[in-house]
């Protein structure tokens, strides 16, 4: 039984060159999860998958570059994902070696 938290960046190399973002993940007793994902090529629009995907171990700059490709409606609807990513980005900037 696998489940991805909302806002998790995942790799779906068959469908996107960029990391995709988990918008919704449903648990199943057995088998892969049912996922609703957003991808950069669609401007953040959704698509669904019924498979196990690899978590994208990308830095905050790659995450920002990914969400920067989304259309403005995405930011309004998914402000929890955007806010969390922006806070991570701000912390990265504040803790960057050039600032010390």
N, C-alpha and C. Protein backbone atom coordinates (compact mmCIF):
# COMPACT_ATOMS: atom_id res chain seq x y z
N UNK A 1 0.85 -1.17 0.00
CA UNK A 1 0.00 0.00 0.00
C UNK A 1 0.91 1.24 0.00
N UNK A 2 0.78 2.07 -1.04
CA UNK A 2 1.63 3.25 -1.19
C UNK A 2 0.76 4.47 -1.34
N UNK A 3 1.20 5.57 -0.75
CA UNK A 3 0.45 6.81 -0.82
C UNK A 3 1.45 7.96 -0.81
N UNK A 4 1.19 8.97 -1.64
CA UNK A 4 2.06 10.14 -1.69
C UNK A 4 1.33 11.34 -1.09
N UNK A 5 1.96 12.08 -0.20
CA UNK A 5 1.33 13.28 0.34
C UNK A 5 1.12 14.34 -0.75
N UNK A 6 0.10 15.16 -0.58
CA UNK A 6 -0.16 16.27 -1.50
C UNK A 6 1.07 17.17 -1.52
N UNK A 7 1.47 17.58 -2.72
CA UNK A 7 2.62 18.45 -2.87
C UNK A 7 3.94 17.73 -3.09
N UNK A 8 3.92 16.39 -3.08
CA UNK A 8 5.13 15.62 -3.32
C UNK A 8 5.53 15.73 -4.79
N UNK A 9 6.78 16.02 -5.03
CA UNK A 9 7.31 16.06 -6.39
C UNK A 9 7.74 14.64 -6.77
N UNK A 10 7.27 14.19 -7.93
CA UNK A 10 7.53 12.83 -8.39
C UNK A 10 8.08 12.85 -9.81
N UNK A 11 8.75 11.76 -10.20
CA UNK A 11 9.19 11.60 -11.58
C UNK A 11 8.19 10.72 -12.33
N UNK A 12 7.71 11.22 -13.44
CA UNK A 12 6.88 10.44 -14.36
C UNK A 12 7.53 10.58 -15.73
N UNK A 13 8.65 9.91 -15.91
CA UNK A 13 9.48 10.11 -17.10
C UNK A 13 8.78 9.73 -18.41
N UNK A 14 7.72 8.95 -18.33
CA UNK A 14 6.96 8.60 -19.53
C UNK A 14 6.06 9.76 -19.98
N UNK A 15 5.74 10.66 -19.06
CA UNK A 15 4.76 11.70 -19.37
C UNK A 15 5.28 13.13 -19.22
N UNK A 16 6.44 13.33 -18.62
CA UNK A 16 6.91 14.69 -18.39
C UNK A 16 8.44 14.75 -18.32
N UNK A 17 9.00 15.84 -18.84
CA UNK A 17 10.43 16.10 -18.73
C UNK A 17 10.76 16.73 -17.37
N UNK A 18 9.73 17.29 -16.74
CA UNK A 18 9.87 17.98 -15.46
C UNK A 18 9.30 17.10 -14.35
N UNK A 19 9.66 17.38 -13.09
CA UNK A 19 8.98 16.69 -12.00
C UNK A 19 7.48 17.04 -12.04
N UNK A 20 6.65 16.11 -11.64
CA UNK A 20 5.22 16.35 -11.55
C UNK A 20 4.86 16.49 -10.06
N UNK A 21 3.73 17.11 -9.79
CA UNK A 21 3.32 17.33 -8.40
C UNK A 21 2.08 16.51 -8.10
N UNK A 22 2.11 15.81 -6.98
CA UNK A 22 0.96 15.04 -6.53
C UNK A 22 -0.11 15.99 -5.98
N UNK A 23 -1.28 15.92 -6.58
CA UNK A 23 -2.41 16.73 -6.14
C UNK A 23 -3.34 15.90 -5.26
N UNK A 24 -3.42 14.62 -5.59
CA UNK A 24 -4.27 13.70 -4.82
C UNK A 24 -3.74 12.29 -4.99
N UNK A 25 -3.78 11.52 -3.92
CA UNK A 25 -3.30 10.14 -3.96
C UNK A 25 -4.25 9.29 -3.14
N UNK A 26 -4.77 8.24 -3.74
CA UNK A 26 -5.68 7.34 -3.05
C UNK A 26 -4.97 6.04 -2.73
N UNK A 27 -5.16 5.59 -1.50
CA UNK A 27 -4.58 4.32 -1.09
C UNK A 27 -5.41 3.17 -1.63
N UNK A 28 -4.74 2.07 -1.92
CA UNK A 28 -5.41 0.84 -2.30
C UNK A 28 -4.90 -0.27 -1.38
N UNK A 29 -5.72 -1.26 -1.18
CA UNK A 29 -5.30 -2.40 -0.36
C UNK A 29 -4.08 -3.08 -0.97
N UNK A 30 -4.12 -3.29 -2.26
CA UNK A 30 -2.98 -3.89 -2.95
C UNK A 30 -2.85 -3.22 -4.31
N UNK A 31 -1.67 -3.21 -4.84
CA UNK A 31 -1.45 -2.58 -6.13
C UNK A 31 -1.03 -1.13 -6.00
N UNK A 32 -0.83 -0.49 -7.14
CA UNK A 32 -0.34 0.90 -7.15
C UNK A 32 -1.42 1.90 -6.73
N UNK A 33 -0.99 3.10 -6.31
CA UNK A 33 -1.96 4.13 -5.93
C UNK A 33 -2.62 4.76 -7.16
N UNK A 34 -3.76 5.37 -6.94
CA UNK A 34 -4.42 6.15 -7.97
C UNK A 34 -4.01 7.60 -7.71
N UNK A 35 -3.39 8.24 -8.70
CA UNK A 35 -2.81 9.56 -8.51
C UNK A 35 -3.46 10.60 -9.41
N UNK A 36 -3.62 11.80 -8.89
CA UNK A 36 -3.96 12.97 -9.68
C UNK A 36 -2.73 13.86 -9.62
N UNK A 37 -2.17 14.17 -10.77
CA UNK A 37 -0.89 14.87 -10.86
C UNK A 37 -1.02 16.13 -11.69
N UNK A 38 -0.13 17.09 -11.45
CA UNK A 38 0.00 18.31 -12.27
C UNK A 38 1.36 18.29 -12.92
N UNK A 39 1.39 18.72 -14.20
CA UNK A 39 2.68 18.75 -14.86
C UNK A 39 2.90 20.07 -15.59
N UNK A 40 4.16 20.42 -15.75
CA UNK A 40 4.56 21.69 -16.35
C UNK A 40 4.08 21.83 -17.78
N UNK A 41 4.14 20.74 -18.54
CA UNK A 41 3.75 20.80 -19.95
C UNK A 41 2.28 21.15 -20.14
N UNK A 42 1.47 20.93 -19.11
CA UNK A 42 0.04 21.28 -19.15
C UNK A 42 -0.24 22.58 -18.42
N UNK A 43 0.79 23.31 -18.01
CA UNK A 43 0.60 24.55 -17.26
C UNK A 43 0.02 24.30 -15.88
N UNK A 44 0.20 23.08 -15.37
CA UNK A 44 -0.32 22.72 -14.06
C UNK A 44 -1.60 21.91 -14.13
N UNK A 45 -2.19 21.80 -15.33
CA UNK A 45 -3.41 20.99 -15.45
C UNK A 45 -3.15 19.56 -15.01
N UNK A 46 -4.22 18.89 -14.68
CA UNK A 46 -4.15 17.56 -14.09
C UNK A 46 -4.17 16.44 -15.11
N UNK A 47 -3.62 15.34 -14.70
CA UNK A 47 -3.79 14.06 -15.39
C UNK A 47 -3.73 12.98 -14.32
N UNK A 48 -4.26 11.81 -14.63
CA UNK A 48 -4.28 10.75 -13.62
C UNK A 48 -3.39 9.60 -14.05
N UNK A 49 -2.90 8.90 -13.04
CA UNK A 49 -2.06 7.72 -13.25
C UNK A 49 -2.45 6.68 -12.21
N UNK A 50 -2.30 5.45 -12.56
CA UNK A 50 -2.54 4.34 -11.65
C UNK A 50 -1.27 3.51 -11.62
N UNK A 51 -0.24 4.08 -11.02
CA UNK A 51 1.05 3.40 -10.99
C UNK A 51 1.89 3.95 -9.84
N UNK A 52 2.97 3.28 -9.57
CA UNK A 52 3.92 3.74 -8.57
C UNK A 52 4.97 4.60 -9.27
N UNK A 53 5.21 5.79 -8.74
CA UNK A 53 6.21 6.69 -9.31
C UNK A 53 7.32 6.92 -8.30
N UNK A 54 8.47 7.27 -8.80
CA UNK A 54 9.64 7.55 -7.96
C UNK A 54 9.56 8.98 -7.44
N UNK A 55 9.85 9.14 -6.16
CA UNK A 55 9.91 10.48 -5.58
C UNK A 55 11.06 11.24 -6.23
N UNK A 56 10.79 12.49 -6.64
CA UNK A 56 11.82 13.31 -7.28
C UNK A 56 12.67 13.97 -6.20
N UNK A 57 13.89 13.52 -6.10
CA UNK A 57 14.81 14.09 -5.13
C UNK A 57 15.51 15.29 -5.79
N UNK A 58 14.76 16.39 -5.92
CA UNK A 58 15.27 17.58 -6.59
C UNK A 58 15.40 18.71 -5.58
N UNK A 59 16.30 19.64 -5.88
CA UNK A 59 16.49 20.76 -4.96
C UNK A 59 15.38 21.80 -5.14
N UNK A 60 15.40 22.78 -4.27
CA UNK A 60 14.35 23.79 -4.26
C UNK A 60 14.35 24.62 -5.55
N UNK A 61 15.49 24.76 -6.18
CA UNK A 61 15.56 25.53 -7.43
C UNK A 61 14.81 24.81 -8.55
N UNK A 62 14.94 23.50 -8.60
CA UNK A 62 14.21 22.71 -9.59
C UNK A 62 12.71 22.74 -9.30
N UNK A 63 12.35 22.70 -8.03
CA UNK A 63 10.93 22.80 -7.67
C UNK A 63 10.37 24.16 -8.10
N UNK A 64 11.11 25.22 -7.84
CA UNK A 64 10.65 26.56 -8.24
C UNK A 64 10.55 26.67 -9.75
N UNK A 65 11.50 26.11 -10.47
CA UNK A 65 11.47 26.14 -11.93
C UNK A 65 10.25 25.38 -12.46
N UNK A 66 9.90 24.30 -11.80
CA UNK A 66 8.73 23.52 -12.21
C UNK A 66 7.45 24.29 -12.00
N UNK A 67 7.23 24.80 -10.79
CA UNK A 67 5.97 25.52 -10.54
C UNK A 67 5.92 26.85 -11.28
N UNK A 68 7.08 27.36 -11.67
CA UNK A 68 7.11 28.59 -12.46
C UNK A 68 6.52 28.40 -13.85
N UNK A 69 6.37 27.18 -14.28
CA UNK A 69 5.79 26.87 -15.59
C UNK A 69 4.27 26.70 -15.52
N UNK A 70 3.72 26.75 -14.32
CA UNK A 70 2.28 26.57 -14.16
C UNK A 70 1.55 27.88 -14.41
N UNK A 71 0.29 27.78 -14.79
CA UNK A 71 -0.53 28.96 -15.06
C UNK A 71 -1.04 29.56 -13.75
N UNK A 72 -1.44 30.85 -13.77
CA UNK A 72 -1.85 31.54 -12.54
C UNK A 72 -2.98 30.86 -11.75
N UNK A 73 -3.90 30.18 -12.42
CA UNK A 73 -5.00 29.54 -11.69
C UNK A 73 -4.47 28.51 -10.69
N UNK A 74 -3.35 27.86 -11.02
CA UNK A 74 -2.80 26.82 -10.14
C UNK A 74 -2.44 27.41 -8.78
N UNK A 75 -1.87 28.61 -8.79
CA UNK A 75 -1.43 29.24 -7.54
C UNK A 75 -2.61 29.56 -6.63
N UNK A 76 -3.72 29.94 -7.21
CA UNK A 76 -4.91 30.27 -6.42
C UNK A 76 -5.52 29.02 -5.79
N UNK A 77 -5.61 27.96 -6.57
CA UNK A 77 -6.26 26.74 -6.09
C UNK A 77 -5.36 25.94 -5.15
N UNK A 78 -4.08 25.92 -5.43
CA UNK A 78 -3.15 25.08 -4.66
C UNK A 78 -2.15 25.94 -3.88
N UNK A 79 -2.66 26.96 -3.21
CA UNK A 79 -1.77 27.86 -2.47
C UNK A 79 -1.03 27.15 -1.34
N UNK A 80 -1.57 26.03 -0.84
CA UNK A 80 -0.85 25.28 0.20
C UNK A 80 0.46 24.69 -0.35
N UNK A 81 0.42 24.19 -1.56
CA UNK A 81 1.64 23.65 -2.19
C UNK A 81 2.61 24.79 -2.51
N UNK A 82 2.09 25.86 -3.08
CA UNK A 82 2.93 27.00 -3.45
C UNK A 82 3.55 27.63 -2.21
N UNK A 83 2.75 27.85 -1.17
CA UNK A 83 3.26 28.47 0.06
C UNK A 83 4.38 27.65 0.68
N UNK A 84 4.19 26.35 0.75
CA UNK A 84 5.21 25.48 1.32
C UNK A 84 6.50 25.55 0.52
N UNK A 85 6.38 25.52 -0.80
CA UNK A 85 7.56 25.59 -1.66
C UNK A 85 8.25 26.94 -1.54
N UNK A 86 7.47 28.00 -1.45
CA UNK A 86 8.04 29.35 -1.32
C UNK A 86 8.77 29.52 0.02
N UNK A 87 8.23 28.96 1.09
CA UNK A 87 8.91 29.03 2.38
C UNK A 87 10.23 28.27 2.32
N UNK A 88 10.23 27.09 1.71
CA UNK A 88 11.47 26.33 1.54
C UNK A 88 12.50 27.12 0.74
N UNK A 89 12.02 27.81 -0.30
CA UNK A 89 12.91 28.61 -1.13
C UNK A 89 13.49 29.79 -0.33
N UNK A 90 12.64 30.45 0.43
CA UNK A 90 13.11 31.58 1.26
C UNK A 90 14.16 31.11 2.27
N UNK A 91 13.92 29.96 2.89
CA UNK A 91 14.88 29.43 3.86
C UNK A 91 16.20 29.07 3.18
N UNK A 92 16.13 28.52 1.99
CA UNK A 92 17.35 28.20 1.23
C UNK A 92 18.14 29.48 0.93
N UNK A 93 17.44 30.53 0.52
CA UNK A 93 18.11 31.80 0.22
C UNK A 93 18.74 32.40 1.46
N UNK A 94 18.01 32.36 2.58
CA UNK A 94 18.54 32.92 3.82
C UNK A 94 19.75 32.15 4.34
N UNK A 95 19.78 30.86 4.08
CA UNK A 95 20.87 30.02 4.58
C UNK A 95 21.96 29.78 3.54
N UNK A 96 21.88 30.43 2.41
CA UNK A 96 22.86 30.23 1.34
C UNK A 96 24.24 30.70 1.82
N UNK A 97 25.30 29.99 1.48
CA UNK A 97 26.66 30.35 1.93
C UNK A 97 27.07 31.78 1.58
N UNK A 98 26.55 32.34 0.50
CA UNK A 98 26.93 33.70 0.12
C UNK A 98 26.40 34.74 1.11
N UNK A 99 25.39 34.38 1.88
CA UNK A 99 24.80 35.31 2.85
C UNK A 99 25.53 35.28 4.19
N UNK A 100 26.44 34.36 4.35
CA UNK A 100 27.11 34.22 5.67
C UNK A 100 28.44 34.89 5.68
